[in-house]
PDB file of N, CA and C in Angstrom:
ATOM      1  N   MET A   1     101.245  74.730  23.014  1.00  0.00           N
ATOM      2  CA  MET A   1     101.456  75.873  24.110  1.00  0.00           C
ATOM      3  C   MET A   1     102.516  76.760  23.191  1.00  0.00           C
ATOM      4  N   ALA A   2     101.945  78.199  23.130  1.00  0.00           N
ATOM      5  CA  ALA A   2     102.353  78.726  22.490  1.00  0.00           C
ATOM      6  C   ALA A   2     103.635  79.751  23.585  1.00  0.00           C
ATOM      7  N   GLN A   3     104.809  80.178  22.650  1.00  0.00           N
ATOM      8  CA  GLN A   3     105.917  81.045  23.869  1.00  0.00           C
ATOM      9  C   GLN A   3     105.014  82.776  24.188  1.00  0.00           C
ATOM     10  N   THR A   4     105.702  82.953  24.705  1.00  0.00           N
ATOM     11  CA  THR A   4     105.321  84.391  24.873  1.00  0.00           C
ATOM     12  C   THR A   4     106.349  85.245  24.134  1.00  0.00           C
ATOM     13  N   SER A   5     107.442  84.833  23.602  1.00  0.00           N
ATOM     14  CA  SER A   5     108.154  85.623  23.282  1.00  0.00           C
ATOM     15  C   SER A   5     107.686  85.408  21.393  1.00  0.00           C
ATOM     16  N   THR A   6     106.823  84.656  20.895  1.00  0.00           N
ATOM     17  CA  THR A   6     106.246  84.384  19.586  1.00  0.00           C
ATOM     18  C   THR A   6     104.626  84.546  19.418  1.00  0.00           C
ATOM     19  N   ASN A   7     104.885  85.204  18.658  1.00  0.00           N
ATOM     20  CA  ASN A   7     103.295  85.597  18.516  1.00  0.00           C
ATOM     21  C   ASN A   7     102.547  84.697  17.485  1.00  0.00           C
ATOM     22  N   VAL A   8     101.021  84.132  17.926  1.00  0.00           N
ATOM     23  CA  VAL A   8     100.722  82.796  17.541  1.00  0.00           C
ATOM     24  C   VAL A   8      99.411  83.871  16.846  1.00  0.00           C
ATOM     25  N   TYR A   9      99.126  83.393  15.683  1.00  0.00           N
ATOM     26  CA  TYR A   9      98.113  83.599  15.166  1.00  0.00           C
ATOM     27  C   TYR A   9      97.149  82.597  14.548  1.00  0.00           C
ATOM     28  N   SER A  10      95.640  82.640  14.926  1.00  0.00           N
ATOM     29  CA  SER A  10      94.901  81.357  14.041  1.00  0.00           C
ATOM     30  C   SER A  10      93.932  82.122  13.046  1.00  0.00           C
ATOM     31  N   LEU A  11      93.810  81.251  12.248  1.00  0.00           N
ATOM     32  CA  LEU A  11      93.070  81.568  10.838  1.00  0.00           C
ATOM     33  C   LEU A  11      91.409  81.523  10.783  1.00  0.00           C
ATOM     34  N   ASN A  12      91.205  80.658  12.198  1.00  0.00           N
ATOM     35  CA  ASN A  12      89.858  80.493  12.034  1.00  0.00           C
ATOM     36  C   ASN A  12      89.729  81.107  13.750  1.00  0.00           C
ATOM     37  N   ALA A  13      90.436  82.319  14.151  1.00  0.00           N
ATOM     38  CA  ALA A  13      89.767  82.921  15.106  1.00  0.00           C
ATOM     39  C   ALA A  13      88.438  84.005  15.003  1.00  0.00           C
ATOM     40  N   VAL A  14      87.434  83.347  16.257  1.00  0.00           N
ATOM     41  CA  VAL A  14      86.298  84.061  16.636  1.00  0.00           C
ATOM     42  C   VAL A  14      86.214  85.333  17.683  1.00  0.00           C
ATOM     43  N   GLY A  15      85.950  86.426  16.988  1.00  0.00           N
ATOM     44  CA  GLY A  15      86.651  87.862  17.785  1.00  0.00           C
ATOM     45  C   GLY A  15      84.985  87.816  18.313  1.00  0.00           C
ATOM     46  N   TYR A  16      84.245  88.683  19.402  1.00  0.00           N
ATOM     47  CA  TYR A  16      83.503  89.182  20.314  1.00  0.00           C
ATOM     48  C   TYR A  16      84.030  89.901  21.072  1.00  0.00           C
ATOM     49  N   ILE A  17      82.545  90.935  21.328  1.00  0.00           N
ATOM     50  CA  ILE A  17      83.093  91.963  22.771  1.00  0.00           C
ATOM     51  C   ILE A  17      81.820  91.690  23.758  1.00  0.00           C
ATOM     52  N   ASN A  18      81.877  91.841  24.712  1.00  0.00           N
ATOM     53  CA  ASN A  18      80.864  91.797  25.724  1.00  0.00           C
ATOM     54  C   ASN A  18      80.922  93.267  25.832  1.00  0.00           C
ATOM     55  N   VAL A  19      80.080  93.978  26.592  1.00  0.00           N
ATOM     56  CA  VAL A  19      79.896  95.001  26.966  1.00  0.00           C
ATOM     57  C   VAL A  19      78.937  95.015  28.154  1.00  0.00           C
ATOM     58  N   THR A  20      79.533  95.606  29.538  1.00  0.00           N
ATOM     59  CA  THR A  20      78.362  95.602  30.681  1.00  0.00           C
ATOM     60  C   THR A  20      77.621  96.586  30.322  1.00  0.00           C
ATOM     61  N   VAL A  21      76.383  96.433  30.497  1.00  0.00           N
ATOM     62  CA  VAL A  21      75.317  97.183  30.807  1.00  0.00           C
ATOM     63  C   VAL A  21      74.892  98.135  32.232  1.00  0.00           C
ATOM     64  N   LEU A  22      75.016  99.072  32.437  1.00  0.00           N
ATOM     65  CA  LEU A  22      74.492  99.083  33.973  1.00  0.00           C
ATOM     66  C   LEU A  22      73.423  99.626  33.776  1.00  0.00           C
ATOM     67  N   PRO A  23      72.705  99.587  35.041  1.00  0.00           N
ATOM     68  CA  PRO A  23      71.093 100.128  35.291  1.00  0.00           C
ATOM     69  C   PRO A  23      71.242 101.721  34.441  1.00  0.00           C
ATOM     70  N   GLY A  24      70.574 102.161  33.890  1.00  0.00           N
ATOM     71  CA  GLY A  24      69.918 103.684  33.945  1.00  0.00           C
ATOM     72  C   GLY A  24      70.625 103.538  32.183  1.00  0.00           C
ATOM     73  N   TYR A  25      71.301 104.978  32.032  1.00  0.00           N
ATOM     74  CA  TYR A  25      71.764 105.499  30.470  1.00  0.00           C
ATOM     75  C   TYR A  25      73.148 104.922  30.644  1.00  0.00           C
ATOM     76  N   ASN A  26      73.622 104.355  29.285  1.00  0.00           N
ATOM     77  CA  ASN A  26      74.857 103.870  28.739  1.00  0.00           C
ATOM     78  C   ASN A  26      74.940 104.541  27.310  1.00  0.00           C
ATOM     79  N   ILE A  27      76.482 104.295  26.931  1.00  0.00           N
ATOM     80  CA  ILE A  27      76.450 105.136  25.438  1.00  0.00           C
ATOM     81  C   ILE A  27      77.161 103.920  25.072  1.00  0.00           C
ATOM     82  N   ILE A  28      76.438 102.992  23.996  1.00  0.00           N
ATOM     83  CA  ILE A  28      77.326 101.531  23.463  1.00  0.00           C
ATOM     84  C   ILE A  28      77.800 101.872  21.693  1.00  0.00           C
ATOM     85  N   ALA A  29      78.353 101.446  21.768  1.00  0.00           N
ATOM     86  CA  ALA A  29      79.249 101.127  20.203  1.00  0.00           C
ATOM     87  C   ALA A  29      78.978  99.901  20.133  1.00  0.00           C
ATOM     88  N   ASP A  30      79.192  99.255  18.417  1.00  0.00           N
ATOM     89  CA  ASP A  30      79.594  98.510  18.144  1.00  0.00           C
ATOM     90  C   ASP A  30      80.575  98.501  17.138  1.00  0.00           C
ATOM     91  N   GLN A  31      81.910  98.172  18.035  1.00  0.00           N
ATOM     92  CA  GLN A  31      82.993  98.396  17.110  1.00  0.00           C
ATOM     93  C   GLN A  31      83.446  96.809  16.736  1.00  0.00           C
ATOM     94  N   LEU A  32      82.742  96.078  15.766  1.00  0.00           N
ATOM     95  CA  LEU A  32      83.537  94.928  14.994  1.00  0.00           C
ATOM     96  C   LEU A  32      82.774  95.044  13.954  1.00  0.00           C
ATOM     97  N   TYR A  33      83.519  94.842  12.718  1.00  0.00           N
ATOM     98  CA  TYR A  33      83.006  94.769  11.550  1.00  0.00           C
ATOM     99  C   TYR A  33      82.003  93.676  11.108  1.00  0.00           C
ATOM    100  N   ASP A  34      80.588  94.554  10.277  1.00  0.00           N
ATOM    101  CA  ASP A  34      80.071  92.580   9.801  1.00  0.00           C
ATOM    102  C   ASP A  34      80.426  92.881   8.601  1.00  0.00           C
ATOM    103  N   SER A  35      80.633  91.726   7.896  1.00  0.00           N
ATOM    104  CA  SER A  35      80.863  91.736   6.538  1.00  0.00           C
ATOM    105  C   SER A  35      79.856  91.341   6.164  1.00  0.00           C
ATOM    106  N   SER A  36      78.710  90.778   6.054  1.00  0.00           N
ATOM    107  CA  SER A  36      77.179  90.925   5.711  1.00  0.00           C
ATOM    108  C   SER A  36      76.603  92.399   5.181  1.00  0.00           C
ATOM    109  N   GLY A  37      77.237  93.500   6.047  1.00  0.00           N
ATOM    110  CA  GLY A  37      76.752  94.529   5.727  1.00  0.00           C
ATOM    111  C   GLY A  37      75.575  95.101   6.493  1.00  0.00           C
ATOM    112  N   SER A  38      75.028  94.239   7.430  1.00  0.00           N
ATOM    113  CA  SER A  38      73.710  94.629   8.497  1.00  0.00           C
ATOM    114  C   SER A  38      74.206  94.555   9.427  1.00  0.00           C
ATOM    115  N   ASN A  39      74.946  95.753  10.402  1.00  0.00           N
ATOM    116  CA  ASN A  39      74.612  96.380  11.193  1.00  0.00           C
ATOM    117  C   ASN A  39      73.586  97.247  11.932  1.00  0.00           C
ATOM    118  N   THR A  40      72.317  96.568  11.814  1.00  0.00           N
ATOM    119  CA  THR A  40      71.481  97.132  12.484  1.00  0.00           C
ATOM    120  C   THR A  40      71.094  96.347  14.165  1.00  0.00           C
ATOM    121  N   VAL A  41      70.477  97.705  14.311  1.00  0.00           N
ATOM    122  CA  VAL A  41      70.039  96.974  15.766  1.00  0.00           C
ATOM    123  C   VAL A  41      69.324  95.761  16.098  1.00  0.00           C
ATOM    124  N   ASN A  42      68.340  95.335  15.006  1.00  0.00           N
ATOM    125  CA  ASN A  42      68.027  94.149  15.131  1.00  0.00           C
ATOM    126  C   ASN A  42      69.000  92.580  15.025  1.00  0.00           C
ATOM    127  N   ASN A  43      70.226  92.757  14.572  1.00  0.00           N
ATOM    128  CA  ASN A  43      71.350  92.130  14.111  1.00  0.00           C
ATOM    129  C   ASN A  43      71.990  91.956  15.562  1.00  0.00           C
ATOM    130  N   LEU A  44      72.484  93.503  16.076  1.00  0.00           N
ATOM    131  CA  LEU A  44      73.612  93.364  17.065  1.00  0.00           C
ATOM    132  C   LEU A  44      72.837  93.127  18.239  1.00  0.00           C
ATOM    133  N   LEU A  45      71.623  93.727  18.696  1.00  0.00           N
ATOM    134  CA  LEU A  45      71.246  93.478  19.879  1.00  0.00           C
ATOM    135  C   LEU A  45      69.657  92.583  19.834  1.00  0.00           C
ATOM    136  N   ASN A  46      69.478  91.305  19.525  1.00  0.00           N
ATOM    137  CA  ASN A  46      68.498  90.522  19.028  1.00  0.00           C
ATOM    138  C   ASN A  46      67.702  90.582  20.445  1.00  0.00           C
ATOM    139  N   ASP A  47      66.281  90.802  19.883  1.00  0.00           N
ATOM    140  CA  ASP A  47      64.954  90.756  21.402  1.00  0.00           C
ATOM    141  C   ASP A  47      64.290  89.811  20.628  1.00  0.00           C
ATOM    142  N   ALA A  48      64.455  88.279  20.376  1.00  0.00           N
ATOM    143  CA  ALA A  48      63.352  87.332  19.623  1.00  0.00           C
ATOM    144  C   ALA A  48      63.026  86.784  21.102  1.00  0.00           C
ATOM    145  N   ASP A  49      63.466  86.372  21.876  1.00  0.00           N
ATOM    146  CA  ASP A  49      63.278  85.796  23.174  1.00  0.00           C
ATOM    147  C   ASP A  49      63.051  87.126  24.392  1.00  0.00           C
ATOM    148  N   GLY A  50      62.728  88.719  23.990  1.00  0.00           N
ATOM    149  CA  GLY A  50      62.581  89.395  24.775  1.00  0.00           C
ATOM    150  C   GLY A  50      63.244  89.560  25.893  1.00  0.00           C
ATOM    151  N   HIS A  51      64.253  89.629  25.581  1.00  0.00           N
ATOM    152  CA  HIS A  51      65.327  89.970  27.288  1.00  0.00           C
ATOM    153  C   HIS A  51      65.736  91.260  27.217  1.00  0.00           C
ATOM    154  N   LEU A  52      65.488  92.407  25.992  1.00  0.00           N
ATOM    155  CA  LEU A  52      65.399  93.374  26.258  1.00  0.00           C
ATOM    156  C   LEU A  52      64.489  94.198  26.704  1.00  0.00           C
ATOM    157  N   ASP A  53      63.236  93.471  27.007  1.00  0.00           N
ATOM    158  CA  ASP A  53      61.931  94.256  27.167  1.00  0.00           C
ATOM    159  C   ASP A  53      61.753  96.033  27.652  1.00  0.00           C
ATOM    160  N   GLY A  54      61.445  96.651  27.073  1.00  0.00           N
ATOM    161  CA  GLY A  54      61.920  97.776  28.162  1.00  0.00           C
ATOM    162  C   GLY A  54      63.179  98.450  28.115  1.00  0.00           C
ATOM    163  N   TYR A  55      64.265  97.718  27.380  1.00  0.00           N
ATOM    164  CA  TYR A  55      65.936  98.705  26.364  1.00  0.00           C
ATOM    165  C   TYR A  55      65.291  99.856  26.756  1.00  0.00           C
ATOM    166  N   VAL A  56      65.720 101.337  26.126  1.00  0.00           N
ATOM    167  CA  VAL A  56      65.382 101.840  25.214  1.00  0.00           C
ATOM    168  C   VAL A  56      66.741 102.358  24.194  1.00  0.00           C
ATOM    169  N   LEU A  57      66.940 102.240  23.142  1.00  0.00           N
ATOM    170  CA  LEU A  57      68.076 102.775  22.421  1.00  0.00           C
ATOM    171  C   LEU A  57      67.932 104.251  21.920  1.00  0.00           C
ATOM    172  N   TYR A  58      68.969 104.885  22.054  1.00  0.00           N
ATOM    173  CA  TYR A  58      68.763 106.608  21.622  1.00  0.00           C
ATOM    174  C   TYR A  58      69.965 106.556  20.232  1.00  0.00           C
ATOM    175  N   LYS A  59      69.305 106.873  18.810  1.00  0.00           N
ATOM    176  CA  LYS A  59      70.712 106.826  17.966  1.00  0.00           C
ATOM    177  C   LYS A  59      70.324 108.539  17.141  1.00  0.00           C
ATOM    178  N   TRP A  60      71.056 109.087  17.483  1.00  0.00           N
ATOM    179  CA  TRP A  60      71.625 110.369  17.221  1.00  0.00           C
ATOM    180  C   TRP A  60      71.328 110.491  15.681  1.00  0.00           C
ATOM    181  N   ASN A  61      70.577 110.947  14.627  1.00  0.00           N
ATOM    182  CA  ASN A  61      71.001 110.966  12.947  1.00  0.00           C
ATOM    183  C   ASN A  61      70.966 112.419  12.261  1.00  0.00           C
ATOM    184  N   GLY A  62      71.647 113.159  13.754  1.00  0.00           N
ATOM    185  CA  GLY A  62      72.287 114.544  12.978  1.00  0.00           C
ATOM    186  C   GLY A  62      71.109 115.848  12.811  1.00  0.00           C
ATOM    187  N   THR A  63      70.123 115.228  13.131  1.00  0.00           N
ATOM    188  CA  THR A  63      68.505 116.388  13.402  1.00  0.00           C
ATOM    189  C   THR A  63      67.792 115.906  14.993  1.00  0.00           C
ATOM    190  N   GLY A  64      67.945 114.834  14.990  1.00  0.00           N
ATOM    191  CA  GLY A  64      66.889 114.517  16.425  1.00  0.00           C
ATOM    192  C   GLY A  64      67.586 112.944  16.752  1.00  0.00           C
ATOM    193  N   PHE A  65      66.750 112.305  17.731  1.00  0.00           N
ATOM    194  CA  PHE A  65      66.818 110.975  17.972  1.00  0.00           C
ATOM    195  C   PHE A  65      66.033 110.306  17.444  1.00  0.00           C
ATOM    196  N   VAL A  66      66.759 108.989  17.059  1.00  0.00           N
ATOM    197  CA  VAL A  66      65.526 107.809  16.687  1.00  0.00           C
ATOM    198  C   VAL A  66      65.818 107.183  18.054  1.00  0.00           C
ATOM    199  N   ILE A  67      64.624 106.883  18.043  1.00  0.00           N
ATOM    200  CA  ILE A  67      64.082 106.241  19.337  1.00  0.00           C
ATOM    201  C   ILE A  67      63.581 104.413  18.951  1.00  0.00           C
ATOM    202  N   ASP A  68      64.209 103.434  19.728  1.00  0.00           N
ATOM    203  CA  ASP A  68      64.012 102.085  19.844  1.00  0.00           C
ATOM    204  C   ASP A  68      63.803 101.797  21.071  1.00  0.00           C
ATOM    205  N   THR A  69      62.444 101.283  20.716  1.00  0.00           N
ATOM    206  CA  THR A  69      62.227 100.160  22.675  1.00  0.00           C
ATOM    207  C   THR A  69      62.518  98.937  22.185  1.00  0.00           C
ATOM    208  N   GLY A  70      62.894  98.211  23.230  1.00  0.00           N
ATOM    209  CA  GLY A  70      63.086  96.821  23.371  1.00  0.00           C
ATOM    210  C   GLY A  70      60.851  96.123  23.548  1.00  0.00           C
ATOM    211  N   ASP A  71      60.802  95.539  23.188  1.00  0.00           N
ATOM    212  CA  ASP A  71      59.195  95.389  22.834  1.00  0.00           C
ATOM    213  C   ASP A  71      58.324  93.710  23.154  1.00  0.00           C
ATOM    214  N   SER A  72      58.179  93.231  23.799  1.00  0.00           N
ATOM    215  CA  SER A  72      57.981  91.979  23.713  1.00  0.00           C
ATOM    216  C   SER A  72      55.978  92.344  24.349  1.00  0.00           C
ATOM    217  N   ILE A  73      55.217  91.216  23.147  1.00  0.00           N
ATOM    218  CA  ILE A  73      53.691  91.993  23.388  1.00  0.00           C
ATOM    219  C   ILE A  73      53.176  89.822  23.405  1.00  0.00           C
ATOM    220  N   ALA A  74      52.668  89.629  24.377  1.00  0.00           N
ATOM    221  CA  ALA A  74      52.037  88.510  24.099  1.00  0.00           C
ATOM    222  C   ALA A  74      51.414  88.080  22.700  1.00  0.00           C
ATOM    223  N   GLY A  75      51.128  87.113  22.194  1.00  0.00           N
ATOM    224  CA  GLY A  75      50.763  86.707  21.107  1.00  0.00           C
ATOM    225  C   GLY A  75      51.721  87.571  19.789  1.00  0.00           C
ATOM    226  N   THR A  76      52.669  88.730  19.793  1.00  0.00           N
ATOM    227  CA  THR A  76      53.547  88.836  18.795  1.00  0.00           C
ATOM    228  C   THR A  76      55.024  88.526  19.127  1.00  0.00           C
ATOM    229  N   PRO A  77      55.733  88.626  18.179  1.00  0.00           N
ATOM    230  CA  PRO A  77      56.941  88.431  17.822  1.00  0.00           C
ATOM    231  C   PRO A  77      57.722  89.630  18.965  1.00  0.00           C
ATOM    232  N   SER A  78      58.744  89.050  19.456  1.00  0.00           N
ATOM    233  CA  SER A  78      59.464  90.048  20.052  1.00  0.00           C
ATOM    234  C   SER A  78      60.426  91.035  19.819  1.00  0.00           C
ATOM    235  N   GLY A  79      61.173  91.992  19.595  1.00  0.00           N
ATOM    236  CA  GLY A  79      62.062  92.931  18.867  1.00  0.00           C
ATOM    237  C   GLY A  79      61.734  93.930  19.163  1.00  0.00           C
ATOM    238  N   TRP A  80      61.852  95.224  18.292  1.00  0.00           N
ATOM    239  CA  TRP A  80      62.177  96.298  18.675  1.00  0.00           C
ATOM    240  C   TRP A  80      61.252  96.905  18.210  1.00  0.00           C
ATOM    241  N   ASP A  81      60.552  98.117  18.664  1.00  0.00           N
ATOM    242  CA  ASP A  81      59.021  98.755  18.387  1.00  0.00           C
ATOM    243  C   ASP A  81      59.299  99.084  16.887  1.00  0.00           C
ATOM    244  N   ASN A  82      60.849  99.578  16.656  1.00  0.00           N
ATOM    245  CA  ASN A  82      60.848 100.531  15.632  1.00  0.00           C
ATOM    246  C   ASN A  82      61.740  99.569  14.385  1.00  0.00           C
ATOM    247  N   ASN A  83      61.023  98.142  14.600  1.00  0.00           N
ATOM    248  CA  ASN A  83      61.861  97.200  14.081  1.00  0.00           C
ATOM    249  C   ASN A  83      63.232  97.271  14.167  1.00  0.00           C
ATOM    250  N   GLY A  84      63.687  97.533  14.840  1.00  0.00           N
ATOM    251  CA  GLY A  84      65.182  97.315  15.239  1.00  0.00           C
ATOM    252  C   GLY A  84      65.969  97.948  13.735  1.00  0.00           C
ATOM    253  N   VAL A  85      65.625  98.500  12.506  1.00  0.00           N
ATOM    254  CA  VAL A  85      66.027  98.971  11.500  1.00  0.00           C
ATOM    255  C   VAL A  85      67.250  99.999  11.147  1.00  0.00           C
ATOM    256  N   GLU A  86      67.378 100.876  12.618  1.00  0.00           N
ATOM    257  CA  GLU A  86      68.542 101.613  12.462  1.00  0.00           C
ATOM    258  C   GLU A  86      70.084 101.187  12.504  1.00  0.00           C
ATOM    259  N   THR A  87      70.860 101.611  12.406  1.00  0.00           N
ATOM    260  CA  THR A  87      71.973 100.954  11.968  1.00  0.00           C
ATOM    261  C   THR A  87      72.817 101.428  13.096  1.00  0.00           C
ATOM    262  N   LEU A  88      73.788 100.321  13.896  1.00  0.00           N
ATOM    263  CA  LEU A  88      74.751 101.108  14.315  1.00  0.00           C
ATOM    264  C   LEU A  88      76.523 100.400  14.117  1.00  0.00           C
ATOM    265  N   ASN A  89      76.937 100.646  13.575  1.00  0.00           N
ATOM    266  CA  ASN A  89      78.075 101.130  12.717  1.00  0.00           C
ATOM    267  C   ASN A  89      79.271 100.974  13.128  1.00  0.00           C
ATOM    268  N   PRO A  90      80.484 100.535  12.742  1.00  0.00           N
ATOM    269  CA  PRO A  90      81.620 100.572  13.589  1.00  0.00           C
ATOM    270  C   PRO A  90      81.858 102.712  13.149  1.00  0.00           C
ATOM    271  N   GLY A  91      81.955 103.023  14.422  1.00  0.00           N
ATOM    272  CA  GLY A  91      82.566 104.669  14.323  1.00  0.00           C
ATOM    273  C   GLY A  91      81.505 105.103  15.211  1.00  0.00           C
ATOM    274  N   GLU A  92      79.999 104.374  14.911  1.00  0.00           N
ATOM    275  CA  GLU A  92      78.971 104.904  15.266  1.00  0.00           C
ATOM    276  C   GLU A  92      78.561 104.076  16.899  1.00  0.00           C
ATOM    277  N   GLY A  93      77.737 105.529  17.683  1.00  0.00           N
ATOM    278  CA  GLY A  93      77.396 105.273  19.240  1.00  0.00           C
ATOM    279  C   GLY A  93      75.785 105.301  19.087  1.00  0.00           C
ATOM    280  N   ALA A  94      75.123 105.075  20.710  1.00  0.00           N
ATOM    281  CA  ALA A  94      73.773 104.890  20.415  1.00  0.00           C
ATOM    282  C   ALA A  94      73.872 105.411  21.979  1.00  0.00           C
ATOM    283  N   TRP A  95      72.653 106.076  22.732  1.00  0.00           N
ATOM    284  CA  TRP A  95      72.828 105.704  23.979  1.00  0.00           C
ATOM    285  C   TRP A  95      71.648 104.447  24.743  1.00  0.00           C
ATOM    286  N   LEU A  96      72.036 104.007  25.449  1.00  0.00           N
ATOM    287  CA  LEU A  96      71.179 102.576  25.771  1.00  0.00           C
ATOM    288  C   LEU A  96      70.480 102.662  26.904  1.00  0.00           C
ATOM    289  N   TYR A  97      69.120 102.804  26.950  1.00  0.00           N
ATOM    290  CA  TYR A  97      68.468 102.611  28.487  1.00  0.00           C
ATOM    291  C   TYR A  97      68.611 101.013  28.825  1.00  0.00           C
ATOM    292  N   ASN A  98      69.020 100.505  30.343  1.00  0.00           N
ATOM    293  CA  ASN A  98      68.600  99.294  30.913  1.00  0.00           C
ATOM    294  C   ASN A  98      67.728  99.860  32.189  1.00  0.00           C
ATOM    295  N   PRO A  99      66.528  99.422  31.968  1.00  0.00           N
ATOM    296  CA  PRO A  99      65.485  99.623  32.599  1.00  0.00           C
ATOM    297  C   PRO A  99      65.797  98.445  34.336  1.00  0.00           C
ATOM    298  N   LYS A 100      66.415  97.677  34.295  1.00  0.00           N
ATOM    299  CA  LYS A 100      66.856  96.840  35.601  1.00  0.00           C
ATOM    300  C   LYS A 100      67.550  97.544  35.505  1.00  0.00           C
ATOM    301  N   THR A 101      67.497  96.479  37.448  1.00  0.00           N
ATOM    302  CA  THR A 101      68.307  97.342  38.241  1.00  0.00           C
ATOM    303  C   THR A 101      69.449  96.928  38.636  1.00  0.00           C
ATOM    304  N   THR A 102      69.966  95.408  37.780  1.00  0.00           N
ATOM    305  CA  THR A 102      71.117  94.328  37.399  1.00  0.00           C
ATOM    306  C   THR A 102      71.866  94.909  36.058  1.00  0.00           C
ATOM    307  N   ASN A 103      72.827  94.599  36.673  1.00  0.00           N
ATOM    308  CA  ASN A 103      74.218  95.367  34.932  1.00  0.00           C
ATOM    309  C   ASN A 103      73.812  94.039  34.397  1.00  0.00           C
ATOM    310  N   VAL A 104      73.853  94.098  33.367  1.00  0.00           N
ATOM    311  CA  VAL A 104      73.540  92.919  32.113  1.00  0.00           C
ATOM    312  C   VAL A 104      74.311  93.070  30.849  1.00  0.00           C
ATOM    313  N   THR A 105      75.102  92.292  30.460  1.00  0.00           N
ATOM    314  CA  THR A 105      76.333  91.687  29.748  1.00  0.00           C
ATOM    315  C   THR A 105      75.358  91.566  28.058  1.00  0.00           C
ATOM    316  N   LEU A 106      75.840  92.338  27.430  1.00  0.00           N
ATOM    317  CA  LEU A 106      75.350  92.118  25.828  1.00  0.00           C
ATOM    318  C   LEU A 106      77.006  91.942  25.318  1.00  0.00           C
ATOM    319  N   THR A 107      76.902  90.676  24.356  1.00  0.00           N
ATOM    320  CA  THR A 107      77.934  90.530  23.212  1.00  0.00           C
ATOM    321  C   THR A 107      77.876  90.678  21.854  1.00  0.00           C
ATOM    322  N   PHE A 108      78.395  91.376  21.723  1.00  0.00           N
ATOM    323  CA  PHE A 108      78.618  92.062  19.839  1.00  0.00           C
ATOM    324  C   PHE A 108      79.362  90.432  19.528  1.00  0.00           C
ATOM    325  N   VAL A 109      78.746  90.210  18.218  1.00  0.00           N
ATOM    326  CA  VAL A 109      79.576  89.165  17.513  1.00  0.00           C
ATOM    327  C   VAL A 109      79.891  89.506  16.428  1.00  0.00           C
ATOM    328  N   PRO A 110      80.211  89.650  15.107  1.00  0.00           N
ATOM    329  CA  PRO A 110      79.880  89.571  13.660  1.00  0.00           C
ATOM    330  C   PRO A 110      79.879  88.744  12.847  1.00  0.00           C
ATOM    331  N   LYS A 111      78.396  88.841  12.551  1.00  0.00           N
ATOM    332  CA  LYS A 111      78.024  88.033  11.132  1.00  0.00           C
ATOM    333  C   LYS A 111      78.956  88.433  10.117  1.00  0.00           C
ATOM    334  N   HIS A 112      79.770  86.844   9.289  1.00  0.00           N
ATOM    335  CA  HIS A 112      80.093  86.848   7.960  1.00  0.00           C
ATOM    336  C   HIS A 112      79.219  85.851   6.853  1.00  0.00           C
ATOM    337  N   ARG A 113      79.550  86.729   5.657  1.00  0.00           N
ATOM    338  CA  ARG A 113      79.076  85.647   4.620  1.00  0.00           C
ATOM    339  C   ARG A 113      79.205  85.006   4.375  1.00  0.00           C
TER     340      ARG A 113
END
């Protein structure tokens, strides 16, 4: 048991951030450094099981929005329509539209090499 007056750190700490996404439009950001160098939407918001169907990500690229929609079509792999190749690096944000009527929790976990 750690004492309150002593700072205790673990070298094996695993960090993550849970972000609650409300119905409608939300501003999200990934605040964790990814040492693999791949902060793509596919890595951060993986939709392999189709749970993000209908979600829309809007990321400003300086001249307009890059738009990507979570989509799983029967018979094809689930994922993002634009292949989720846009990045969401620390310091970058994006709008995420939640089409559902309930809150959803997204968990951001850094990947390490």
